[in-house]
C-alpha atoms as a PDB file:
ATOM      1  CA  UNK A   1     203.752 150.041  58.939  1.00  0.00           C
ATOM      2  CA  UNK A   2     202.919 147.146  61.064  1.00  0.00           C
ATOM      3  CA  UNK A   3     199.233 146.122  61.336  1.00  0.00           C
ATOM      4  CA  UNK A   4     197.427 147.267  64.406  1.00  0.00           C
ATOM      5  CA  UNK A   5     196.953 144.471  66.819  1.00  0.00           C
ATOM      6  CA  UNK A   6     193.527 144.193  68.403  1.00  0.00           C
ATOM      7  CA  UNK A   7     193.373 143.294  72.054  1.00  0.00           C
ATOM      8  CA  UNK A   8     191.433 140.125  72.737  1.00  0.00           C
ATOM      9  CA  UNK A   9     189.296 140.052  75.836  1.00  0.00           C
ATOM     10  CA  UNK A  10     189.967 137.077  77.968  1.00  0.00           C
ATOM     11  CA  UNK A  11     187.003 134.705  77.948  1.00  0.00           C
ATOM     12  CA  UNK A  12     185.819 133.995  81.454  1.00  0.00           C
ATOM     13  CA  UNK A  13     182.668 132.292  82.614  1.00  0.00           C
ATOM     14  CA  UNK A  14     180.139 134.430  84.273  1.00  0.00           C
ATOM     15  CA  UNK A  15     179.901 133.604  87.827  1.00  0.00           C
ATOM     16  CA  UNK A  16     176.621 132.933  89.653  1.00  0.00           C
ATOM     17  CA  UNK A  17     175.318 135.946  91.530  1.00  0.00           C
ATOM     18  CA  UNK A  18     176.871 135.806  94.909  1.00  0.00           C
ATOM     19  CA  UNK A  19     180.091 134.415  93.564  1.00  0.00           C
ATOM     20  CA  UNK A  20     179.042 130.751  93.602  1.00  0.00           C
ATOM     21  CA  UNK A  21     178.913 128.679  90.478  1.00  0.00           C
ATOM     22  CA  UNK A  22     175.648 127.210  89.262  1.00  0.00           C
ATOM     23  CA  UNK A  23     175.301 123.540  90.088  1.00  0.00           C
ATOM     24  CA  UNK A  24     172.558 120.879  90.235  1.00  0.00           C
ATOM     25  CA  UNK A  25     169.709 121.638  92.617  1.00  0.00           C
ATOM     26  CA  UNK A  26     169.618 119.518  95.687  1.00  0.00           C
ATOM     27  CA  UNK A  27     166.602 117.138  95.918  1.00  0.00           C
ATOM     28  CA  UNK A  28     163.597 118.398  97.856  1.00  0.00           C
ATOM     29  CA  UNK A  29     163.121 116.705 101.157  1.00  0.00           C
ATOM     30  CA  UNK A  30     160.232 114.242 101.037  1.00  0.00           C
ATOM     31  CA  UNK A  31     157.608 114.567 103.775  1.00  0.00           C
ATOM     32  CA  UNK A  32     157.722 111.807 106.280  1.00  0.00           C
ATOM     33  CA  UNK A  33     154.745 109.523 106.034  1.00  0.00           C
ATOM     34  CA  UNK A  34     153.482 107.774 109.085  1.00  0.00           C
ATOM     35  CA  UNK A  35     153.939 104.022 109.038  1.00  0.00           C
ATOM     36  CA  UNK A  36     150.869 102.049 107.928  1.00  0.00           C
ATOM     37  CA  UNK A  37     148.757 101.046 110.887  1.00  0.00           C
ATOM     38  CA  UNK A  38     148.913  97.480 111.941  1.00  0.00           C
ATOM     39  CA  UNK A  39     145.842  95.264 111.761  1.00  0.00           C
ATOM     40  CA  UNK A  40     145.361  95.643 115.501  1.00  0.00           C
ATOM     41  CA  UNK A  41     145.297  99.446 115.380  1.00  0.00           C
ATOM     42  CA  UNK A  42     142.888  99.649 112.418  1.00  0.00           C
ATOM     43  CA  UNK A  43     139.499 101.056 113.446  1.00  0.00           C
ATOM     44  CA  UNK A  44     136.516  99.266 111.858  1.00  0.00           C
ATOM     45  CA  UNK A  45     134.365 101.298 109.487  1.00  0.00           C
ATOM     46  CA  UNK A  46     131.019 102.295 110.909  1.00  0.00           C
ATOM     47  CA  UNK A  47     128.322  99.962 109.604  1.00  0.00           C
ATOM     48  CA  UNK A  48     124.687 100.802 109.023  1.00  0.00           C
ATOM     49  CA  UNK A  49     122.422  99.496 111.756  1.00  0.00           C
ATOM     50  CA  UNK A  50     120.627  96.278 110.797  1.00  0.00           C
ATOM     51  CA  UNK A  51     117.086  96.645 109.524  1.00  0.00           C
ATOM     52  CA  UNK A  52     114.422  95.783 112.068  1.00  0.00           C
ATOM     53  CA  UNK A  53     112.603  92.511 111.401  1.00  0.00           C
ATOM     54  CA  UNK A  54     109.198  92.739 109.697  1.00  0.00           C
ATOM     55  CA  UNK A  55     106.158  92.954 111.909  1.00  0.00           C
ATOM     56  CA  UNK A  56     104.188  89.686 112.233  1.00  0.00           C
ATOM     57  CA  UNK A  57     101.292  89.674 109.779  1.00  0.00           C
ATOM     58  CA  UNK A  58      99.511  86.344 110.273  1.00  0.00           C
ATOM     59  CA  UNK A  59      97.737  84.518 113.048  1.00  0.00           C
ATOM     60  CA  UNK A  60      99.630  81.808 114.982  1.00  0.00           C
ATOM     61  CA  UNK A  61      98.238  79.164 112.610  1.00  0.00           C
ATOM     62  CA  UNK A  62      99.173  81.251 109.573  1.00  0.00           C
ATOM     63  CA  UNK A  63      95.837  80.797 107.787  1.00  0.00           C
ATOM     64  CA  UNK A  64      94.400  84.219 108.646  1.00  0.00           C
ATOM     65  CA  UNK A  65      95.844  87.727 108.913  1.00  0.00           C
ATOM     66  CA  UNK A  66      96.733  88.913 112.386  1.00  0.00           C
ATOM     67  CA  UNK A  67      93.777  90.612 114.149  1.00  0.00           C
ATOM     68  CA  UNK A  68      91.267  89.393 111.546  1.00  0.00           C
ATOM     69  CA  UNK A  69      87.714  89.395 113.029  1.00  0.00           C
ATOM     70  CA  UNK A  70      86.295  85.945 113.644  1.00  0.00           C
ATOM     71  CA  UNK A  71      82.836  86.769 112.266  1.00  0.00           C
ATOM     72  CA  UNK A  72      84.014  88.035 108.859  1.00  0.00           C
ATOM     73  CA  UNK A  73      84.727  85.722 105.878  1.00  0.00           C
ATOM     74  CA  UNK A  74      88.304  86.088 104.641  1.00  0.00           C
ATOM     75  CA  UNK A  75      88.797  85.901 100.863  1.00  0.00           C
ATOM     76  CA  UNK A  76      91.812  84.968  98.764  1.00  0.00           C
ATOM     77  CA  UNK A  77      89.924  85.611  95.500  1.00  0.00           C
ATOM     78  CA  UNK A  78      86.877  87.711  94.622  1.00  0.00           C
ATOM     79  CA  UNK A  79      83.231  86.703  95.077  1.00  0.00           C
ATOM     80  CA  UNK A  80      80.651  87.409  92.390  1.00  0.00           C
ATOM     81  CA  UNK A  81      77.120  88.659  92.974  1.00  0.00           C
ATOM     82  CA  UNK A  82      74.232  86.739  91.338  1.00  0.00           C
ATOM     83  CA  UNK A  83      73.110  90.045  89.783  1.00  0.00           C
ATOM     84  CA  UNK A  84      76.076  90.034  87.374  1.00  0.00           C
ATOM     85  CA  UNK A  85      75.101  89.404  83.741  1.00  0.00           C
ATOM     86  CA  UNK A  86      77.093  87.721  80.935  1.00  0.00           C
ATOM     87  CA  UNK A  87      78.012  91.184  79.650  1.00  0.00           C
ATOM     88  CA  UNK A  88      79.516  92.002  83.064  1.00  0.00           C
ATOM     89  CA  UNK A  89      81.629  88.851  82.965  1.00  0.00           C
ATOM     90  CA  UNK A  90      82.700  89.586  79.397  1.00  0.00           C
ATOM     91  CA  UNK A  91      83.770  93.116  80.310  1.00  0.00           C
ATOM     92  CA  UNK A  92      85.580  91.858  83.397  1.00  0.00           C
ATOM     93  CA  UNK A  93      87.653  89.455  81.277  1.00  0.00           C
ATOM     94  CA  UNK A  94      88.414  91.764  78.364  1.00  0.00           C
ATOM     95  CA  UNK A  95      91.841  93.323  78.682  1.00  0.00           C
ATOM     96  CA  UNK A  96      92.414  96.684  76.977  1.00  0.00           C
ATOM     97  CA  UNK A  97      95.064  96.537  74.241  1.00  0.00           C
ATOM     98  CA  UNK A  98      98.576  97.641  75.140  1.00  0.00           C
ATOM     99  CA  UNK A  99      98.327 100.727  72.893  1.00  0.00           C
ATOM    100  CA  UNK A 100      95.018 101.906  74.390  1.00  0.00           C
ATOM    101  CA  UNK A 101      94.619 105.125  76.369  1.00  0.00           C
ATOM    102  CA  UNK A 102      94.496 103.246  79.690  1.00  0.00           C
ATOM    103  CA  UNK A 103      96.451  99.965  79.418  1.00  0.00           C
ATOM    104  CA  UNK A 104      96.450  97.754  82.505  1.00  0.00           C
ATOM    105  CA  UNK A 105      99.601  96.710  84.329  1.00  0.00           C
ATOM    106  CA  UNK A 106      99.802  93.112  85.537  1.00  0.00           C
ATOM    107  CA  UNK A 107      99.946  91.801  89.061  1.00  0.00           C
ATOM    108  CA  UNK A 108     103.513  90.895  90.085  1.00  0.00           C
ATOM    109  CA  UNK A 109     104.644  87.488  88.914  1.00  0.00           C
ATOM    110  CA  UNK A 110     105.529  86.496  92.486  1.00  0.00           C
ATOM    111  CA  UNK A 111     102.069  87.303  93.842  1.00  0.00           C
ATOM    112  CA  UNK A 112     100.687  84.539  96.075  1.00  0.00           C
ATOM    113  CA  UNK A 113      97.074  84.475  97.267  1.00  0.00           C
ATOM    114  CA  UNK A 114      96.604  84.450 101.012  1.00  0.00           C
ATOM    115  CA  UNK A 115      97.579  86.593 103.999  1.00  0.00           C
ATOM    116  CA  UNK A 116      99.646  89.620 103.000  1.00  0.00           C
ATOM    117  CA  UNK A 117     103.287  89.646 104.164  1.00  0.00           C
ATOM    118  CA  UNK A 118     103.817  93.369 103.570  1.00  0.00           C
ATOM    119  CA  UNK A 119     101.141  94.869 105.804  1.00  0.00           C
ATOM    120  CA  UNK A 120      99.450  94.084 109.098  1.00  0.00           C
ATOM    121  CA  UNK A 121      96.076  94.989 110.625  1.00  0.00           C
ATOM    122  CA  UNK A 122      96.525  96.908 113.889  1.00  0.00           C
ATOM    123  CA  UNK A 123      94.071  98.628 116.252  1.00  0.00           C
ATOM    124  CA  UNK A 124      94.107 102.443 116.276  1.00  0.00           C
ATOM    125  CA  UNK A 125      94.432 103.976 119.732  1.00  0.00           C
ATOM    126  CA  UNK A 126      95.460 107.557 118.868  1.00  0.00           C
ATOM    127  CA  UNK A 127      92.593 109.801 119.945  1.00  0.00           C
ATOM    128  CA  UNK A 128      93.469 112.309 117.213  1.00  0.00           C
ATOM    129  CA  UNK A 129      92.774 109.676 114.536  1.00  0.00           C
ATOM    130  CA  UNK A 130      89.291 109.770 112.901  1.00  0.00           C
ATOM    131  CA  UNK A 131      89.168 105.944 113.129  1.00  0.00           C
ATOM    132  CA  UNK A 132      90.232 105.739 116.779  1.00  0.00           C
ATOM    133  CA  UNK A 133      88.810 102.569 118.348  1.00  0.00           C
ATOM    134  CA  UNK A 134      88.761 100.801 114.965  1.00  0.00           C
ATOM    135  CA  UNK A 135      91.617  99.338 112.931  1.00  0.00           C
ATOM    136  CA  UNK A 136      93.963 100.308 110.112  1.00  0.00           C
ATOM    137  CA  UNK A 137      96.527  98.741 107.797  1.00  0.00           C
ATOM    138  CA  UNK A 138     100.205  99.350 108.645  1.00  0.00           C
ATOM    139  CA  UNK A 139     103.413  98.545 106.751  1.00  0.00           C
ATOM    140  CA  UNK A 140     105.142  95.448 108.153  1.00  0.00           C
ATOM    141  CA  UNK A 141     108.462  96.533 106.602  1.00  0.00           C
ATOM    142  CA  UNK A 142     109.855  99.373 104.530  1.00  0.00           C
ATOM    143  CA  UNK A 143     107.994  99.515 101.212  1.00  0.00           C
ATOM    144  CA  UNK A 144     109.491 100.981  98.046  1.00  0.00           C
ATOM    145  CA  UNK A 145     107.769 103.726  96.014  1.00  0.00           C
ATOM    146  CA  UNK A 146     105.421 102.168  93.462  1.00  0.00           C
ATOM    147  CA  UNK A 147     105.515  98.738  95.129  1.00  0.00           C
ATOM    148  CA  UNK A 148     102.513  96.397  95.047  1.00  0.00           C
ATOM    149  CA  UNK A 149     101.047  95.714  98.491  1.00  0.00           C
ATOM    150  CA  UNK A 150      97.771  93.800  98.458  1.00  0.00           C
ATOM    151  CA  UNK A 151      94.687  93.170  96.319  1.00  0.00           C
ATOM    152  CA  UNK A 152      91.335  94.704  97.232  1.00  0.00           C
ATOM    153  CA  UNK A 153      89.011  91.707  97.468  1.00  0.00           C
ATOM    154  CA  UNK A 154      85.288  91.604  98.088  1.00  0.00           C
ATOM    155  CA  UNK A 155      82.026  90.951  96.277  1.00  0.00           C
ATOM    156  CA  UNK A 156      82.037  92.156  92.661  1.00  0.00           C
ATOM    157  CA  UNK A 157      78.569  93.449  91.781  1.00  0.00           C
ATOM    158  CA  UNK A 158      76.832  95.770  89.295  1.00  0.00           C
ATOM    159  CA  UNK A 159      77.762  99.269  90.423  1.00  0.00           C
ATOM    160  CA  UNK A 160      74.459 100.748  89.322  1.00  0.00           C
ATOM    161  CA  UNK A 161      72.400  98.385  91.487  1.00  0.00           C
ATOM    162  CA  UNK A 162      71.497  99.825  94.877  1.00  0.00           C
ATOM    163  CA  UNK A 163      70.081  96.674  96.459  1.00  0.00           C
ATOM    164  CA  UNK A 164      71.678  93.258  96.697  1.00  0.00           C
ATOM    165  CA  UNK A 165      71.076  89.959  98.396  1.00  0.00           C
ATOM    166  CA  UNK A 166      72.999  87.560 100.574  1.00  0.00           C
ATOM    167  CA  UNK A 167      76.531  86.521  99.719  1.00  0.00           C
ATOM    168  CA  UNK A 168      76.734  83.477  97.444  1.00  0.00           C
ATOM    169  CA  UNK A 169      79.833  81.348  98.015  1.00  0.00           C
ATOM    170  CA  UNK A 170      80.977  78.786  95.425  1.00  0.00           C
ATOM    171  CA  UNK A 171      79.963  75.176  96.081  1.00  0.00           C
ATOM    172  CA  UNK A 172      82.637  72.778  97.275  1.00  0.00           C
ATOM    173  CA  UNK A 173      81.792  70.234  94.573  1.00  0.00           C
ATOM    174  CA  UNK A 174      80.768  71.263  91.081  1.00  0.00           C
ATOM    175  CA  UNK A 175      78.425  69.354  88.821  1.00  0.00           C
ATOM    176  CA  UNK A 176      78.712  70.194  85.146  1.00  0.00           C
ATOM    177  CA  UNK A 177      75.735  68.027  84.118  1.00  0.00           C
ATOM    178  CA  UNK A 178      72.668  69.738  82.768  1.00  0.00           C
ATOM    179  CA  UNK A 179      74.435  72.894  81.542  1.00  0.00           C
ATOM    180  CA  UNK A 180      72.755  73.365  78.187  1.00  0.00           C
ATOM    181  CA  UNK A 181      71.945  76.386  76.124  1.00  0.00           C
ATOM    182  CA  UNK A 182      72.629  80.006  77.022  1.00  0.00           C
ATOM    183  CA  UNK A 183      71.750  79.535  80.692  1.00  0.00           C
ATOM    184  CA  UNK A 184      74.112  76.591  80.930  1.00  0.00           C
ATOM    185  CA  UNK A 185      76.978  78.648  79.452  1.00  0.00           C
ATOM    186  CA  UNK A 186      76.388  81.354  82.060  1.00  0.00           C
ATOM    187  CA  UNK A 187      76.382  78.825  84.946  1.00  0.00           C
ATOM    188  CA  UNK A 188      79.537  77.210  83.645  1.00  0.00           C
ATOM    189  CA  UNK A 189      81.166  80.631  83.295  1.00  0.00           C
ATOM    190  CA  UNK A 190      80.290  81.601  86.864  1.00  0.00           C
ATOM    191  CA  UNK A 191      81.574  78.288  88.219  1.00  0.00           C
ATOM    192  CA  UNK A 192      84.880  78.649  86.396  1.00  0.00           C
ATOM    193  CA  UNK A 193      85.239  82.172  87.766  1.00  0.00           C
ATOM    194  CA  UNK A 194      84.447  81.253  91.351  1.00  0.00           C
ATOM    195  CA  UNK A 195      86.341  77.960  91.481  1.00  0.00           C
ATOM    196  CA  UNK A 196      89.515  79.652  92.755  1.00  0.00           C
ATOM    197  CA  UNK A 197      87.799  81.359  95.690  1.00  0.00           C
ATOM    198  CA  UNK A 198      88.964  80.227  99.112  1.00  0.00           C
ATOM    199  CA  UNK A 199      86.820  81.388 102.012  1.00  0.00           C
ATOM    200  CA  UNK A 200      87.926  81.194 105.630  1.00  0.00           C
ATOM    201  CA  UNK A 201      85.657  81.859 108.631  1.00  0.00           C
ATOM    202  CA  UNK A 202      82.488  81.207 106.632  1.00  0.00           C
ATOM    203  CA  UNK A 203      79.600  80.487 109.005  1.00  0.00           C
ATOM    204  CA  UNK A 204      78.347  77.050 108.002  1.00  0.00           C
ATOM    205  CA  UNK A 205      75.375  77.244 110.402  1.00  0.00           C
ATOM    206  CA  UNK A 206      73.932  80.483 109.074  1.00  0.00           C
ATOM    207  CA  UNK A 207      70.173  80.083 108.465  1.00  0.00           C
ATOM    208  CA  UNK A 208      68.738  80.433 104.994  1.00  0.00           C
ATOM    209  CA  UNK A 209      67.523  84.038 104.516  1.00  0.00           C
ATOM    210  CA  UNK A 210      63.854  84.620 103.848  1.00  0.00           C
ATOM    211  CA  UNK A 211      62.709  85.950 100.446  1.00  0.00           C
ATOM    212  CA  UNK A 212      62.214  89.396 102.023  1.00  0.00           C
ATOM    213  CA  UNK A 213      65.782  89.421 103.353  1.00  0.00           C
ATOM    214  CA  UNK A 214      67.392  88.357 100.076  1.00  0.00           C
ATOM    215  CA  UNK A 215      67.266  91.886  98.637  1.00  0.00           C
ATOM    216  CA  UNK A 216      67.722  93.920 101.774  1.00  0.00           C
ATOM    217  CA  UNK A 217      71.412  94.728 101.486  1.00  0.00           C
ATOM    218  CA  UNK A 218      72.075  98.301 100.354  1.00  0.00           C
ATOM    219  CA  UNK A 219      75.376  98.767  98.531  1.00  0.00           C
ATOM    220  CA  UNK A 220      75.004 102.555  98.667  1.00  0.00           C
ATOM    221  CA  UNK A 221      75.278 102.540 102.462  1.00  0.00           C
ATOM    222  CA  UNK A 222      78.498 100.521 102.480  1.00  0.00           C
ATOM    223  CA  UNK A 223      81.722 102.273 103.483  1.00  0.00           C
ATOM    224  CA  UNK A 224      83.735  99.569 101.699  1.00  0.00           C
ATOM    225  CA  UNK A 225      82.196  99.810  98.222  1.00  0.00           C
ATOM    226  CA  UNK A 226      84.529 101.157  95.506  1.00  0.00           C
ATOM    227  CA  UNK A 227      84.338 101.285  91.729  1.00  0.00           C
ATOM    228  CA  UNK A 228      86.326  98.689  89.818  1.00  0.00           C
ATOM    229  CA  UNK A 229      85.309 100.317  86.527  1.00  0.00           C
ATOM    230  CA  UNK A 230      82.566 102.936  86.366  1.00  0.00           C
ATOM    231  CA  UNK A 231      82.130 102.654  82.582  1.00  0.00           C
ATOM    232  CA  UNK A 232      81.727  98.857  82.813  1.00  0.00           C
ATOM    233  CA  UNK A 233      79.295  99.118  85.772  1.00  0.00           C
ATOM    234  CA  UNK A 234      81.525  96.989  88.020  1.00  0.00           C
ATOM    235  CA  UNK A 235      82.141  97.676  91.711  1.00  0.00           C
ATOM    236  CA  UNK A 236      83.700  95.810  94.669  1.00  0.00           C
ATOM    237  CA  UNK A 237      82.103  95.754  98.111  1.00  0.00           C
ATOM    238  CA  UNK A 238      84.200  94.521 101.064  1.00  0.00           C
ATOM    239  CA  UNK A 239      81.748  95.253 103.878  1.00  0.00           C
ATOM    240  CA  UNK A 240      80.588  91.648 104.386  1.00  0.00           C
ATOM    241  CA  UNK A 241      83.736  89.799 103.239  1.00  0.00           C
ATOM    242  CA  UNK A 242      87.185  90.725 102.031  1.00  0.00           C
ATOM    243  CA  UNK A 243      90.865  90.809 102.932  1.00  0.00           C
ATOM    244  CA  UNK A 244      93.420  93.156 104.546  1.00  0.00           C
ATOM    245  CA  UNK A 245      92.817  95.961 102.023  1.00  0.00           C
ATOM    246  CA  UNK A 246      89.400  96.739 103.531  1.00  0.00           C
ATOM    247  CA  UNK A 247      91.241  98.286 106.492  1.00  0.00           C
ATOM    248  CA  UNK A 248      92.981 100.976 104.422  1.00  0.00           C
ATOM    249  CA  UNK A 249      91.790 104.346 105.763  1.00  0.00           C
ATOM    250  CA  UNK A 250      91.407 107.699 104.065  1.00  0.00           C
ATOM    251  CA  UNK A 251      94.273 110.103 104.716  1.00  0.00           C
ATOM    252  CA  UNK A 252      92.091 113.037 105.757  1.00  0.00           C
ATOM    253  CA  UNK A 253      92.590 113.856 109.411  1.00  0.00           C
ATOM    254  CA  UNK A 254      95.170 111.120 110.007  1.00  0.00           C
ATOM    255  CA  UNK A 255      98.048 112.503 112.141  1.00  0.00           C
ATOM    256  CA  UNK A 256     101.461 112.434 110.505  1.00  0.00           C
ATOM    257  CA  UNK A 257     103.983 110.403 112.549  1.00  0.00           C
ATOM    258  CA  UNK A 258     106.698 112.945 111.669  1.00  0.00           C
ATOM    259  CA  UNK A 259     105.102 115.456 114.054  1.00  0.00           C
ATOM    260  CA  UNK A 260     104.729 114.993 117.821  1.00  0.00           C
ATOM    261  CA  UNK A 261     101.275 114.565 119.379  1.00  0.00           C
ATOM    262  CA  UNK A 262      99.407 117.831 119.751  1.00  0.00           C
ATOM    263  CA  UNK A 263     101.430 119.560 117.020  1.00  0.00           C
ATOM    264  CA  UNK A 264      99.586 122.334 115.201  1.00  0.00           C
ATOM    265  CA  UNK A 265     100.609 123.348 111.660  1.00  0.00           C
ATOM    266  CA  UNK A 266     102.521 126.630 111.537  1.00  0.00           C
ATOM    267  CA  UNK A 267     101.899 127.323 107.849  1.00  0.00           C
ATOM    268  CA  UNK A 268      99.681 126.331 104.940  1.00  0.00           C
ATOM    269  CA  UNK A 269     102.491 124.230 103.482  1.00  0.00           C
ATOM    270  CA  UNK A 270     102.918 122.342 106.748  1.00  0.00           C
ATOM    271  CA  UNK A 271      99.168 121.833 106.973  1.00  0.00           C
ATOM    272  CA  UNK A 272      99.191 120.204 103.544  1.00  0.00           C
ATOM    273  CA  UNK A 273     102.092 118.010 104.635  1.00  0.00           C
ATOM    274  CA  UNK A 274     100.051 116.814 107.579  1.00  0.00           C
ATOM    275  CA  UNK A 275      97.417 115.490 105.186  1.00  0.00           C
ATOM    276  CA  UNK A 276      99.023 113.360 102.507  1.00  0.00           C
ATOM    277  CA  UNK A 277      98.217 109.866 101.139  1.00  0.00           C
ATOM    278  CA  UNK A 278     101.057 107.390 100.681  1.00  0.00           C
ATOM    279  CA  UNK A 279      99.190 104.735  98.691  1.00  0.00           C
ATOM    280  CA  UNK A 280      96.602 104.447  95.928  1.00  0.00           C
ATOM    281  CA  UNK A 281      93.955 102.107  94.529  1.00  0.00           C
ATOM    282  CA  UNK A 282      94.930 100.847  91.091  1.00  0.00           C
ATOM    283  CA  UNK A 283      93.090  98.685  88.553  1.00  0.00           C
ATOM    284  CA  UNK A 284      95.415  95.964  87.220  1.00  0.00           C
ATOM    285  CA  UNK A 285      95.196  92.741  85.227  1.00  0.00           C
ATOM    286  CA  UNK A 286      95.329  89.322  86.874  1.00  0.00           C
ATOM    287  CA  UNK A 287      97.151  87.088  84.352  1.00  0.00           C
ATOM    288  CA  UNK A 288      96.289  83.897  86.238  1.00  0.00           C
ATOM    289  CA  UNK A 289      92.536  84.468  86.410  1.00  0.00           C
ATOM    290  CA  UNK A 290      92.468  86.543  83.205  1.00  0.00           C
ATOM    291  CA  UNK A 291      90.356  89.364  84.639  1.00  0.00           C
ATOM    292  CA  UNK A 292      90.522  92.867  86.034  1.00  0.00           C
ATOM    293  CA  UNK A 293      91.193  93.358  89.700  1.00  0.00           C
ATOM    294  CA  UNK A 294      91.794  96.181  92.178  1.00  0.00           C
ATOM    295  CA  UNK A 295      95.012  96.458  94.172  1.00  0.00           C
ATOM    296  CA  UNK A 296      96.723  98.796  96.624  1.00  0.00           C
ATOM    297  CA  UNK A 297     100.091 100.234  95.549  1.00  0.00           C
ATOM    298  CA  UNK A 298     102.588 102.532  97.253  1.00  0.00           C
ATOM    299  CA  UNK A 299     102.560 105.947  95.618  1.00  0.00           C
ATOM    300  CA  UNK A 300     105.576 106.539  93.337  1.00  0.00           C
ATOM    301  CA  UNK A 301     108.291 108.935  94.482  1.00  0.00           C
ATOM    302  CA  UNK A 302     107.778 112.555  93.471  1.00  0.00           C
ATOM    303  CA  UNK A 303     110.132 114.435  91.170  1.00  0.00           C
ATOM    304  CA  UNK A 304     111.499 116.450  94.102  1.00  0.00           C
ATOM    305  CA  UNK A 305     112.051 113.437  96.346  1.00  0.00           C
ATOM    306  CA  UNK A 306     115.634 113.029  97.562  1.00  0.00           C
ATOM    307  CA  UNK A 307     117.525 110.693  99.847  1.00  0.00           C
ATOM    308  CA  UNK A 308     115.460 108.159 101.759  1.00  0.00           C
ATOM    309  CA  UNK A 309     112.222 109.372 100.162  1.00  0.00           C
ATOM    310  CA  UNK A 310     113.397 107.912  96.846  1.00  0.00           C
ATOM    311  CA  UNK A 311     113.997 104.497  98.402  1.00  0.00           C
ATOM    312  CA  UNK A 312     111.209 104.193 100.977  1.00  0.00           C
ATOM    313  CA  UNK A 313     107.628 105.104 100.133  1.00  0.00           C
ATOM    314  CA  UNK A 314     106.048 103.818 103.375  1.00  0.00           C
ATOM    315  CA  UNK A 315     108.226 103.163 106.403  1.00  0.00           C
ATOM    316  CA  UNK A 316     107.904 100.150 108.663  1.00  0.00           C
ATOM    317  CA  UNK A 317     105.086 100.729 111.175  1.00  0.00           C
ATOM    318  CA  UNK A 318     103.568 103.620 109.194  1.00  0.00           C
ATOM    319  CA  UNK A 319      99.854 103.520 108.398  1.00  0.00           C
ATOM    320  CA  UNK A 320      98.809 102.918 104.805  1.00  0.00           C
ATOM    321  CA  UNK A 321      96.401 105.683 103.769  1.00  0.00           C
ATOM    322  CA  UNK A 322      94.764 106.508 100.431  1.00  0.00           C
ATOM    323  CA  UNK A 323      92.396 109.125  99.085  1.00  0.00           C
ATOM    324  CA  UNK A 324      88.792 107.950  98.952  1.00  0.00           C
ATOM    325  CA  UNK A 325      87.971 110.962  96.806  1.00  0.00           C
ATOM    326  CA  UNK A 326      85.575 113.809  97.406  1.00  0.00           C
ATOM    327  CA  UNK A 327      82.739 111.809  95.838  1.00  0.00           C
ATOM    328  CA  UNK A 328      82.914 109.251  98.653  1.00  0.00           C
ATOM    329  CA  UNK A 329      82.503 111.858 101.396  1.00  0.00           C
ATOM    330  CA  UNK A 330      79.780 113.741  99.507  1.00  0.00           C
ATOM    331  CA  UNK A 331      77.829 110.509  98.999  1.00  0.00           C
ATOM    332  CA  UNK A 332      78.259 109.572 102.643  1.00  0.00           C
ATOM    333  CA  UNK A 333      77.039 113.005 103.714  1.00  0.00           C
ATOM    334  CA  UNK A 334      73.920 112.632 101.538  1.00  0.00           C
ATOM    335  CA  UNK A 335      73.153 109.228 103.051  1.00  0.00           C
ATOM    336  CA  UNK A 336      73.478 110.629 106.580  1.00  0.00           C
ATOM    337  CA  UNK A 337      71.172 113.527 105.716  1.00  0.00           C
ATOM    338  CA  UNK A 338      68.594 111.150 104.266  1.00  0.00           C
ATOM    339  CA  UNK A 339      68.721 108.985 107.392  1.00  0.00           C
ATOM    340  CA  UNK A 340      68.227 112.037 109.600  1.00  0.00           C
ATOM    341  CA  UNK A 341      65.197 113.098 107.520  1.00  0.00           C
ATOM    342  CA  UNK A 342      63.677 109.626 107.815  1.00  0.00           C
ATOM    343  CA  UNK A 343      64.215 109.599 111.583  1.00  0.00           C
ATOM    344  CA  UNK A 344      62.745 113.088 111.896  1.00  0.00           C
END
C-alpha cells in the first residue's frame, strides 16, 4: 500500500490590507520656514530708557551744598564741645570688638569729606507737608537699599549736659609748646581730634560772647540734637553748625509721592503705607579718624520686596525721611508745655 501523500499548502505572502504590499513610508513633508530677515528688515530690540542725570547737589563754586544757608557754618568733620572730658574722648575712640553684641560697620572706603553727591537740599512747598516753608533732603539719584548716604555732623557734646556755651572752632595754627602733664595731654588730644575739621561760612567778625552768654545755649531745646551713644553720654547737635544730614525730616505726616495730592487712605494698611521711613540713622566707625560717627543709610530691602523695590531703596527726587522716635516727640511736647507754663 502506497504511503498517503500529504498536500502541501502553497506558501504565499500575506498581502497588505487593501491589497497593496507593505513598503517604506514616504518622508513627512517639512514645514516651510520663512527666509531669515535681512539686516534692513530686522526691527531693533526695545531698549530701556536712559537714566535721568543726577540732580545738582553743590553750589556753582562747588564748595558748599546747593541751598545751604549763608549764616550757618558748614562742617566736613565734627566739632567738639569744651565740656567733653578725657573719658568722653576715650570712649569715642574705642571700637567695640568684632565679636561683641553690637559691632560697628565702617564708613565706605570711597567716602570723601565735603558736599554730598547723593542728596540735595530742596525747599518744601507742599502744603500737606509738616515742614512746608522749610527744607528737606532729597535723593539726587536712585539709591540702593542699604546704601550709605551722608554723615550726620555737628557739635559732639556730653548728652547729659543741658546747657552749653558758644561753638569752639579749631585754631588755624597749632602750637604744641607748653603741653605738659595731664592737662597738656588733654589739649594735645583735642587738637589732634579737631585738626581735620574744615569750616565754611564761619563768621570771622562775630563778637566775643560775654561770660553770661557762654552757658546760655540749651541742648534740650534743639531739634537737631541726637544721641551718638546714650551709654557713653555722647550726643551730636547740628542746630548751630552741621552738614546736609541736618535737613533729614521725620517721616510722620510726610505725603507719599505714590499717591496723588489730596488722597485719603482707604484702609488701615494703606494708611500705614502712607507713613513709612526710607532711611535710618546708624552709628558706624570712621577708620580714618579712628572714632565713632553717625551716618544716614538707606533702609535695607524687606523680605517681601520684589522687582524694583529690591534694587532701588529711594528713588531720584524722593525725600529722605527717617524715624526720630517717639522719645523725640514726647520730649518736644514736654518742652512746649514748660514754655507755655512759663509764659502763663
